[in-house]
């Protein structure tokens, strides 16, 4: 979908990189999200005090909430996974949310972004499996007895590929659909208030989609840690 106006794409046009910006707005706005998150993290870390400020209270509430929710699923053993799990949730939520700002494009409305996030989660799932089970992790793909390998291996392979498709297409479809609806309403209503209910709903959609991706990531990581393999 071609947006009528994207602020950072126009900036790239001014410096002679308009072709790249028009072809890859998701990359441009991924950079914007990363810069904003790095800046927010730096400000939050800089302002840490023994007597917390209001901003510090909000930051601690968000981080502790994510961590506690994750620990309830993975147990204390999964605490070391918190940095990647929290990063996945915060990054995707920020990418979803930024699309509600006029002139901004949500990176998660591009399949390239959602596929990259999905591949990261699924590949790291297998890294966890190997870390906890070593070479025995491969038995998970081969079945309980050798003569079932021709049946079990293709099923397991399809199942893990389906994880990538499920994570990437669910997030992409919802965010692209929301962008299309907003684009149509802005085209019909212009500067009037018709798009506002959809934008308000968009905040809820942004949170839910980030949470679903976050929850599935935790479940995949937790399953890789289990000794049932």
Protein backbone atom coordinates (compact mmCIF):
# COMPACT_ATOMS: atom_id res chain seq x y z
CA UNK A 1 0.00 0.00 0.00
CA UNK A 2 1.40 3.38 -1.02
CA UNK A 3 0.99 5.98 1.71
CA UNK A 4 0.12 9.54 0.67
CA UNK A 5 2.78 10.99 2.95
CA UNK A 6 5.56 9.41 4.98
CA UNK A 7 7.64 11.92 6.90
CA UNK A 8 10.98 10.11 6.96
CA UNK A 9 10.62 8.96 3.36
CA UNK A 10 10.38 12.64 2.37
CA UNK A 11 13.56 13.34 4.35
CA UNK A 12 15.37 10.56 2.49
CA UNK A 13 14.12 12.05 -0.80
CA UNK A 14 15.77 15.36 0.12
CA UNK A 15 19.16 13.66 0.59
CA UNK A 16 18.88 11.71 -2.66
CA UNK A 17 17.82 8.33 -1.25
CA UNK A 18 14.17 8.52 -2.24
CA UNK A 19 14.22 5.31 -4.30
CA UNK A 20 15.53 3.28 -1.37
CA UNK A 21 13.07 4.91 1.04
CA UNK A 22 10.05 4.28 -1.19
CA UNK A 23 11.08 0.65 -1.72
CA UNK A 24 11.87 -0.01 1.95
CA UNK A 25 9.78 2.18 4.27
CA UNK A 26 9.71 -0.66 6.79
CA UNK A 27 13.51 -0.47 7.07
CA UNK A 28 13.46 3.31 7.57
CA UNK A 29 10.83 3.13 10.27
CA UNK A 30 12.51 0.14 11.94
CA UNK A 31 15.53 2.41 12.35
CA UNK A 32 13.27 5.10 13.77
CA UNK A 33 11.76 2.66 16.29
CA UNK A 34 15.19 1.39 17.32
CA UNK A 35 16.49 4.93 17.85
CA UNK A 36 13.43 5.83 19.91
CA UNK A 37 13.74 2.70 22.05
CA UNK A 38 17.47 3.20 22.60
CA UNK A 39 16.85 6.81 23.59
CA UNK A 40 14.01 5.82 25.93
CA UNK A 41 16.18 3.11 27.50
CA UNK A 42 19.07 5.52 27.98
CA UNK A 43 16.81 8.10 29.63
CA UNK A 44 15.24 5.47 31.87
CA UNK A 45 18.66 4.15 32.95
CA UNK A 46 20.07 7.64 33.47
CA UNK A 47 17.27 8.66 35.80
CA UNK A 48 17.48 5.70 38.20
CA UNK A 49 17.27 6.84 41.83
CA UNK A 50 16.78 5.28 45.22
CA UNK A 51 13.55 7.25 45.47
CA UNK A 52 11.98 6.47 42.06
CA UNK A 53 10.51 9.18 39.91
CA UNK A 54 7.21 8.79 38.13
CA UNK A 55 8.98 7.80 34.91
CA UNK A 56 11.11 5.25 36.74
CA UNK A 57 8.00 3.76 38.35
CA UNK A 58 6.39 3.32 34.94
CA UNK A 59 9.54 1.73 33.47
CA UNK A 60 9.92 -0.66 36.40
CA UNK A 61 6.24 -1.59 36.25
CA UNK A 62 6.48 -2.50 32.56
CA UNK A 63 9.73 -4.45 32.87
CA UNK A 64 8.75 -6.29 36.07
CA UNK A 65 5.35 -7.12 34.59
CA UNK A 66 6.91 -8.69 31.51
CA UNK A 67 9.47 -10.57 33.61
CA UNK A 68 6.96 -11.90 36.14
CA UNK A 69 4.61 -13.08 33.40
CA UNK A 70 7.47 -14.90 31.66
CA UNK A 71 8.68 -16.54 34.89
CA UNK A 72 5.17 -17.89 35.56
CA UNK A 73 5.41 -19.86 32.31
CA UNK A 74 9.08 -20.83 32.12
CA UNK A 75 9.91 -20.96 35.84
CA UNK A 76 13.03 -19.48 37.41
CA UNK A 77 15.18 -21.48 35.01
CA UNK A 78 13.96 -19.35 32.13
CA UNK A 79 14.90 -16.02 33.70
CA UNK A 80 17.97 -15.73 31.45
CA UNK A 81 15.62 -15.54 28.46
CA UNK A 82 14.11 -12.29 29.70
CA UNK A 83 16.25 -9.90 27.58
CA UNK A 84 15.24 -11.44 24.24
CA UNK A 85 11.61 -11.96 25.25
CA UNK A 86 11.23 -8.40 26.52
CA UNK A 87 12.97 -7.03 23.43
CA UNK A 88 10.60 -8.94 21.14
CA UNK A 89 7.53 -7.61 22.95
CA UNK A 90 8.65 -3.98 23.29
CA UNK A 91 10.01 -3.77 19.74
CA UNK A 92 6.89 -5.24 18.12
CA UNK A 93 4.56 -3.14 20.27
CA UNK A 94 6.49 0.02 19.38
CA UNK A 95 6.47 -0.91 15.68
CA UNK A 96 2.71 -1.49 15.81
CA UNK A 97 2.04 1.69 17.74
CA UNK A 98 4.12 4.02 15.58
CA UNK A 99 1.79 3.41 12.65
CA UNK A 100 -0.93 5.35 14.45
CA UNK A 101 1.11 8.56 14.12
CA UNK A 102 0.24 10.42 10.89
CA UNK A 103 3.16 10.31 8.48
CA UNK A 104 4.62 7.16 10.06
CA UNK A 105 4.60 3.59 8.77
CA UNK A 106 4.44 0.54 11.08
CA UNK A 107 7.37 -1.77 10.19
CA UNK A 108 5.24 -4.76 11.19
CA UNK A 109 2.91 -4.01 8.27
CA UNK A 110 5.69 -5.45 6.10
CA UNK A 111 6.19 -9.20 5.84
CA UNK A 112 9.96 -8.65 5.78
CA UNK A 113 9.90 -7.33 9.36
CA UNK A 114 7.54 -9.94 10.79
CA UNK A 115 9.40 -12.76 9.03
CA UNK A 116 12.71 -11.53 10.47
CA UNK A 117 11.20 -11.52 13.98
CA UNK A 118 9.69 -14.98 13.48
CA UNK A 119 12.97 -16.44 12.19
CA UNK A 120 14.82 -14.99 15.18
CA UNK A 121 12.41 -16.61 17.62
CA UNK A 122 12.30 -20.01 15.90
CA UNK A 123 16.07 -20.24 15.39
CA UNK A 124 16.70 -19.23 19.00
CA UNK A 125 14.21 -21.91 20.08
CA UNK A 126 16.51 -24.55 18.61
CA UNK A 127 19.55 -22.87 20.17
CA UNK A 128 17.82 -23.30 23.54
CA UNK A 129 17.02 -26.94 22.76
CA UNK A 130 20.64 -27.70 21.93
CA UNK A 131 21.84 -25.79 25.00
CA UNK A 132 19.66 -27.85 27.34
CA UNK A 133 19.74 -31.26 25.64
CA UNK A 134 22.85 -31.28 23.47
CA UNK A 135 22.88 -33.74 20.56
CA UNK A 136 19.87 -35.54 22.08
CA UNK A 137 17.72 -32.61 20.96
CA UNK A 138 17.71 -34.05 17.43
CA UNK A 139 15.73 -37.05 18.72
CA UNK A 140 12.76 -34.73 19.04
CA UNK A 141 12.59 -34.69 15.24
CA UNK A 142 13.12 -38.41 14.70
CA UNK A 143 10.49 -40.09 16.87
CA UNK A 144 10.78 -42.80 19.54
CA UNK A 145 11.95 -45.60 17.21
CA UNK A 146 14.12 -45.56 14.07
CA UNK A 147 11.52 -46.98 11.69
CA UNK A 148 9.20 -44.02 12.38
CA UNK A 149 11.78 -41.46 11.17
CA UNK A 150 10.29 -41.23 7.61
CA UNK A 151 6.92 -40.34 9.18
CA UNK A 152 7.90 -38.24 12.21
CA UNK A 153 10.67 -36.16 10.63
CA UNK A 154 8.54 -34.57 7.84
CA UNK A 155 5.73 -33.89 10.35
CA UNK A 156 8.10 -32.19 12.80
CA UNK A 157 9.75 -30.22 10.00
CA UNK A 158 6.40 -28.98 8.69
CA UNK A 159 5.35 -28.12 12.25
CA UNK A 160 8.40 -25.94 12.86
CA UNK A 161 8.07 -24.25 9.47
CA UNK A 162 4.43 -23.59 10.34
CA UNK A 163 5.61 -21.73 13.44
CA UNK A 164 7.47 -19.28 11.22
CA UNK A 165 4.47 -18.81 8.95
CA UNK A 166 2.07 -18.47 11.88
CA UNK A 167 4.14 -15.86 13.71
CA UNK A 168 4.94 -13.79 10.63
CA UNK A 169 1.65 -13.87 8.72
CA UNK A 170 -0.59 -13.33 11.76
CA UNK A 171 1.22 -10.15 12.77
CA UNK A 172 1.66 -8.93 9.19
CA UNK A 173 -1.97 -9.58 8.24
CA UNK A 174 -3.42 -7.77 11.22
CA UNK A 175 -1.18 -4.73 10.94
CA UNK A 176 -1.51 -4.44 7.16
CA UNK A 177 -5.29 -4.78 7.46
CA UNK A 178 -5.35 -1.99 10.02
CA UNK A 179 -3.22 0.20 7.75
CA UNK A 180 -5.57 -0.41 4.82
CA UNK A 181 -8.62 0.53 6.88
CA UNK A 182 -6.93 3.69 8.14
CA UNK A 183 -5.82 4.61 4.64
CA UNK A 184 -9.35 4.20 3.25
CA UNK A 185 -10.91 6.22 6.08
CA UNK A 186 -8.36 9.01 5.76
CA UNK A 187 -9.02 9.08 2.03
CA UNK A 188 -12.76 9.36 2.56
CA UNK A 189 -12.82 11.59 5.64
CA UNK A 190 -9.64 13.59 5.23
CA UNK A 191 -8.99 15.61 8.37
CA UNK A 192 -12.36 14.79 9.93
CA UNK A 193 -12.85 12.47 12.90
CA UNK A 194 -14.07 9.30 11.18
CA UNK A 195 -10.66 7.56 11.46
CA UNK A 196 -10.33 8.30 15.18
CA UNK A 197 -12.36 5.28 16.45
CA UNK A 198 -10.25 3.00 14.24
CA UNK A 199 -7.07 4.63 15.55
CA UNK A 200 -8.25 4.09 19.12
CA UNK A 201 -8.97 0.48 18.29
CA UNK A 202 -5.51 0.35 16.71
CA UNK A 203 -3.89 0.86 20.13
CA UNK A 204 -5.68 -2.25 21.37
CA UNK A 205 -4.74 -4.20 18.22
CA UNK A 206 -1.10 -3.12 18.57
CA UNK A 207 -0.98 -4.38 22.16
CA UNK A 208 -2.80 -7.66 21.46
CA UNK A 209 -0.66 -8.56 18.45
CA UNK A 210 2.56 -7.81 20.32
CA UNK A 211 1.32 -9.87 23.28
CA UNK A 212 0.37 -12.85 21.08
CA UNK A 213 3.82 -12.87 19.45
CA UNK A 214 5.42 -12.49 22.89
CA UNK A 215 3.33 -15.31 24.41
CA UNK A 216 3.99 -17.74 21.56
CA UNK A 217 7.71 -16.97 21.77
CA UNK A 218 7.71 -17.84 25.49
CA UNK A 219 5.82 -21.07 24.82
CA UNK A 220 8.29 -22.11 22.11
CA UNK A 221 11.25 -21.33 24.36
CA UNK A 222 9.67 -23.18 27.27
CA UNK A 223 8.95 -26.27 25.17
CA UNK A 224 12.57 -26.35 24.01
CA UNK A 225 13.71 -26.32 27.64
CA UNK A 226 11.53 -29.22 28.71
CA UNK A 227 13.05 -32.65 29.20
CA UNK A 228 10.20 -34.26 27.31
CA UNK A 229 12.38 -34.04 24.22
